[in-house]
Structure formats: C-alpha cells, structure tokens
Amino acid sequence: MNKVVQHHGVHNLEDKQSKLKVNYTNKNDIIKLIGPPSTKSTFDNDVYIYIERKTSSSKLSKLGKKKLIKNDVLVLEVNNAGILLSKKFYNK
C-alpha cells in the first residue's frame, strides 16, 4: 500500500527562508518568494507567520492515524518601512 503524504502550507519553507536577509529584504520580496503569510498580525510592526506541515497516513494497523513528517514555522517581523527586522525559524 502506498503512503499518502498530505502537505499544508508553504512548500520548502526552510529553503525559502534561508534566502531572506534581515535589515535588507522588504515585504514585497518576502511575498514574491514565499507568498502571502498563513497568519498576519499587526502590533508595532507587522508579524508574518508561515507554516509548513507534512503528514502521512501510516499502515492500516494504526487505523488511519497520521504520522507527522514535517512541522516548520517561520515568524517574520517587518517594520513600518517594510524592511525585515527579525526572522525566527522553528522546525519539528
């Protein structure tokens, strides 16, 4: 039986985030490279949150339980001028 891999969010988030440079990249570059954020919040600065999650359905004996393959989160803080201030990458 083939495993079915379900992918949610941004594909290859880890590779894409490595191209972002703090104090250099602007929000237009971010959206062109990664796309619109999964979640966006506005405090003093804009915070963009991107998520990549991959699961696979495992063997029949586990009755459809999903196995987590990848669970990455990228948090970007963008200032009022649209410049990337900070970048935090969390992986599983």
Protein backbone atom coordinates (compact mmCIF):
# COMPACT_ATOMS: atom_id res chain seq x y z
CA MET A 1 0.00 0.00 0.00
CA ASN A 2 1.34 3.45 -0.93
CA LYS A 3 1.58 6.08 1.76
CA VAL A 4 -0.38 9.24 1.12
CA VAL A 5 1.52 12.39 2.04
CA GLN A 6 -0.58 15.44 2.81
CA HIS A 7 1.13 18.81 2.56
CA HIS A 8 -0.27 22.00 4.11
CA GLY A 9 1.17 25.49 3.92
CA VAL A 10 4.31 26.63 2.14
CA HIS A 11 6.37 24.04 0.26
CA ASN A 12 10.14 24.08 1.00
CA LEU A 13 9.79 26.71 3.72
CA GLU A 14 13.23 26.01 5.17
CA ASP A 15 14.97 26.60 1.82
CA LYS A 16 12.97 29.73 1.05
CA GLN A 17 13.51 31.34 4.46
CA SER A 18 17.29 30.96 4.09
CA LYS A 19 17.16 33.49 1.21
CA LEU A 20 15.66 36.22 3.43
CA LYS A 21 18.15 38.74 4.82
CA VAL A 22 17.39 40.70 7.99
CA ASN A 23 17.63 44.50 7.54
CA TYR A 24 17.74 44.04 3.76
CA THR A 25 14.75 42.06 2.42
CA ASN A 26 11.49 44.01 2.10
CA LYS A 27 7.93 42.75 2.39
CA ASN A 28 7.41 42.72 -1.40
CA ASP A 29 10.43 40.40 -1.72
CA ILE A 30 9.02 38.18 1.05
CA ILE A 31 5.62 37.84 -0.62
CA LYS A 32 7.22 37.24 -4.05
CA LEU A 33 9.46 34.49 -2.61
CA ILE A 34 7.14 32.77 -0.14
CA GLY A 35 3.66 34.11 -0.92
CA PRO A 36 1.11 35.59 1.45
CA PRO A 37 1.56 34.61 5.12
CA SER A 38 -0.53 31.86 6.72
CA THR A 39 -1.27 34.34 9.51
CA LYS A 40 -0.54 38.04 9.83
CA SER A 41 -0.78 40.21 12.92
CA THR A 42 -0.15 43.90 13.38
CA PHE A 43 1.33 45.32 16.58
CA ASP A 44 4.05 47.99 16.44
CA ASN A 45 5.42 46.06 13.46
CA ASP A 46 3.79 43.56 11.11
CA VAL A 47 4.35 39.92 12.04
CA TYR A 48 4.08 37.35 9.25
CA ILE A 49 3.73 33.70 10.19
CA TYR A 50 4.32 30.93 7.64
CA ILE A 51 3.63 27.26 8.29
CA GLU A 52 4.70 24.08 6.51
CA ARG A 53 3.22 20.82 7.73
CA LYS A 54 3.52 17.38 6.16
CA THR A 55 1.74 14.29 7.41
CA SER A 56 1.46 10.81 6.02
CA SER A 57 -1.14 8.18 6.64
CA SER A 58 0.59 5.19 8.12
CA LYS A 59 -0.12 1.48 7.94
CA LEU A 60 -3.62 0.09 8.16
CA SER A 61 -2.98 -1.34 11.63
CA LYS A 62 -2.90 2.19 13.09
CA LEU A 63 -6.43 2.84 11.81
CA GLY A 64 -5.77 5.98 9.83
CA LYS A 65 -3.59 7.79 12.34
CA LYS A 66 -1.35 10.36 10.70
CA LYS A 67 2.40 10.45 11.15
CA LEU A 68 3.95 13.92 11.33
CA ILE A 69 6.82 14.21 8.83
CA LYS A 70 7.49 17.95 8.93
CA ASN A 71 6.16 20.79 11.04
CA ASP A 72 8.02 24.06 10.37
CA VAL A 73 7.05 27.58 11.40
CA LEU A 74 8.65 30.83 10.21
CA VAL A 75 7.96 34.08 12.07
CA LEU A 76 8.98 37.30 10.34
CA GLU A 77 8.81 40.79 11.81
CA VAL A 78 8.56 43.64 9.29
CA ASN A 79 8.88 47.31 10.32
CA ASN A 80 6.71 50.23 9.13
CA ALA A 81 9.10 50.89 6.23
CA GLY A 82 8.50 47.30 5.05
CA ILE A 83 12.02 46.03 5.91
CA LEU A 84 12.56 42.61 7.53
CA LEU A 85 13.60 43.20 11.18
CA SER A 86 13.78 39.68 12.53
CA LYS A 87 13.41 36.10 11.35
CA LYS A 88 12.79 33.08 13.57
CA PHE A 89 12.57 29.58 12.10
CA TYR A 90 11.27 26.65 14.15
CA ASN A 91 11.29 23.08 12.93
CA LYS A 92 9.92 19.82 14.33
